[in-house]
Amino acid sequence: LGNVIYNSVHRTPSTEYTFPFSVGYVKMSENILPGKVTSQINVNLEYK
């Protein structure tokens, strides 16, 4: 499920919706899926 959402973020360039949603999703599930912390870093670098 995480991969599907993460991949959809990369397919959609709009930062207004996908960026906040991605960060919120990563922070919500980082306790369950520690690997998502790396994804959050990648997204932050990509959209800054």
N, C-alpha and C. Protein backbone atom coordinates (compact mmCIF):
# COMPACT_ATOMS: atom_id res chain seq x y z
N LEU A 1 0.84 -1.21 0.00
CA LEU A 1 0.00 0.00 0.00
C LEU A 1 0.87 1.26 0.00
N GLY A 2 1.90 1.26 0.84
CA GLY A 2 2.80 2.41 0.90
C GLY A 2 3.46 2.69 -0.43
N ASN A 3 3.88 1.61 -1.11
CA ASN A 3 4.55 1.79 -2.39
C ASN A 3 3.62 2.39 -3.43
N VAL A 4 2.36 1.98 -3.40
CA VAL A 4 1.39 2.51 -4.37
C VAL A 4 1.22 4.01 -4.17
N ILE A 5 1.08 4.44 -2.93
CA ILE A 5 0.90 5.86 -2.65
C ILE A 5 2.17 6.63 -3.00
N TYR A 6 3.33 6.07 -2.64
CA TYR A 6 4.60 6.74 -2.90
C TYR A 6 4.83 6.90 -4.39
N ASN A 7 4.53 5.84 -5.16
CA ASN A 7 4.71 5.91 -6.60
C ASN A 7 3.76 6.92 -7.23
N SER A 8 2.55 7.01 -6.71
CA SER A 8 1.58 7.96 -7.27
C SER A 8 2.06 9.39 -7.03
N VAL A 9 2.79 9.61 -5.94
CA VAL A 9 3.33 10.94 -5.67
C VAL A 9 4.32 11.32 -6.76
N HIS A 10 5.14 10.37 -7.18
CA HIS A 10 6.14 10.66 -8.19
C HIS A 10 5.51 10.84 -9.57
N ARG A 11 4.38 10.18 -9.80
CA ARG A 11 3.72 10.33 -11.10
C ARG A 11 2.96 11.64 -11.19
N THR A 12 2.63 12.23 -10.04
CA THR A 12 1.85 13.47 -10.04
C THR A 12 2.74 14.63 -9.58
N PRO A 13 3.05 15.57 -10.45
CA PRO A 13 3.97 16.66 -10.11
C PRO A 13 3.37 17.75 -9.23
N SER A 14 2.07 17.72 -9.02
CA SER A 14 1.43 18.77 -8.23
C SER A 14 1.83 18.68 -6.77
N THR A 15 2.53 19.70 -6.26
CA THR A 15 3.00 19.67 -4.87
C THR A 15 1.91 20.09 -3.90
N GLU A 16 0.89 20.79 -4.39
CA GLU A 16 -0.14 21.32 -3.50
C GLU A 16 -0.87 20.22 -2.75
N TYR A 17 -1.09 19.08 -3.41
CA TYR A 17 -1.81 17.99 -2.75
C TYR A 17 -0.90 16.83 -2.39
N THR A 18 -0.10 16.37 -3.34
CA THR A 18 0.66 15.14 -3.13
C THR A 18 1.74 15.32 -2.07
N PHE A 19 2.40 16.49 -2.04
CA PHE A 19 3.49 16.66 -1.08
C PHE A 19 3.00 16.62 0.37
N PRO A 20 1.99 17.43 0.75
CA PRO A 20 1.49 17.38 2.13
C PRO A 20 0.91 16.01 2.47
N PHE A 21 0.22 15.38 1.52
CA PHE A 21 -0.37 14.08 1.79
C PHE A 21 0.71 13.04 2.01
N SER A 22 1.76 13.09 1.19
CA SER A 22 2.85 12.12 1.30
C SER A 22 3.54 12.25 2.65
N VAL A 23 3.84 13.48 3.06
CA VAL A 23 4.52 13.70 4.33
C VAL A 23 3.63 13.22 5.48
N GLY A 24 2.34 13.54 5.42
CA GLY A 24 1.42 13.11 6.46
C GLY A 24 1.35 11.59 6.54
N TYR A 25 1.32 10.94 5.38
CA TYR A 25 1.25 9.48 5.35
C TYR A 25 2.52 8.87 5.91
N VAL A 26 3.67 9.43 5.54
CA VAL A 26 4.95 8.91 6.00
C VAL A 26 5.06 9.05 7.52
N LYS A 27 4.72 10.22 8.04
CA LYS A 27 4.82 10.45 9.48
C LYS A 27 3.86 9.54 10.24
N MET A 28 2.69 9.27 9.65
CA MET A 28 1.69 8.45 10.31
C MET A 28 2.14 7.00 10.42
N SER A 29 2.87 6.51 9.41
CA SER A 29 3.20 5.09 9.37
C SER A 29 4.68 4.81 9.60
N GLU A 30 5.47 5.81 9.99
CA GLU A 30 6.90 5.57 10.15
C GLU A 30 7.19 4.62 11.31
N ASN A 31 6.28 4.59 12.30
CA ASN A 31 6.48 3.66 13.41
C ASN A 31 6.29 2.22 12.97
N ILE A 32 5.40 2.01 11.99
CA ILE A 32 5.12 0.66 11.49
C ILE A 32 6.08 0.31 10.36
N LEU A 33 6.35 1.30 9.51
CA LEU A 33 7.23 1.07 8.36
C LEU A 33 8.41 2.04 8.40
N PRO A 34 9.48 1.68 9.12
CA PRO A 34 10.63 2.58 9.25
C PRO A 34 11.24 2.95 7.91
N GLY A 35 11.08 2.10 6.89
CA GLY A 35 11.63 2.38 5.57
C GLY A 35 11.05 3.64 4.96
N LYS A 36 9.87 4.05 5.42
CA LYS A 36 9.22 5.22 4.84
C LYS A 36 9.94 6.51 5.23
N VAL A 37 10.77 6.47 6.25
CA VAL A 37 11.53 7.66 6.63
C VAL A 37 12.45 8.05 5.48
N THR A 38 13.06 7.06 4.84
CA THR A 38 13.91 7.32 3.68
C THR A 38 13.08 7.92 2.56
N SER A 39 11.87 7.42 2.36
CA SER A 39 11.00 7.96 1.31
C SER A 39 10.66 9.42 1.59
N GLN A 40 10.44 9.74 2.86
CA GLN A 40 10.10 11.11 3.21
C GLN A 40 11.27 12.04 2.88
N ILE A 41 12.49 11.60 3.18
CA ILE A 41 13.67 12.41 2.87
C ILE A 41 13.76 12.64 1.37
N ASN A 42 13.54 11.59 0.58
CA ASN A 42 13.61 11.71 -0.87
C ASN A 42 12.57 12.69 -1.39
N VAL A 43 11.36 12.62 -0.86
CA VAL A 43 10.29 13.52 -1.30
C VAL A 43 10.64 14.96 -0.93
N ASN A 44 11.16 15.15 0.29
CA ASN A 44 11.52 16.50 0.71
C ASN A 44 12.57 17.11 -0.21
N LEU A 45 13.58 16.33 -0.55
CA LEU A 45 14.64 16.83 -1.43
C LEU A 45 14.11 17.10 -2.83
N GLU A 46 13.19 16.25 -3.26
CA GLU A 46 12.69 16.35 -4.63
C GLU A 46 11.84 17.60 -4.83
N TYR A 47 11.10 18.01 -3.82
CA TYR A 47 10.15 19.11 -3.98
C TYR A 47 10.65 20.44 -3.43
N LYS A 48 11.84 20.46 -2.84
CA LYS A 48 12.34 21.73 -2.31
C LYS A 48 12.88 22.60 -3.42
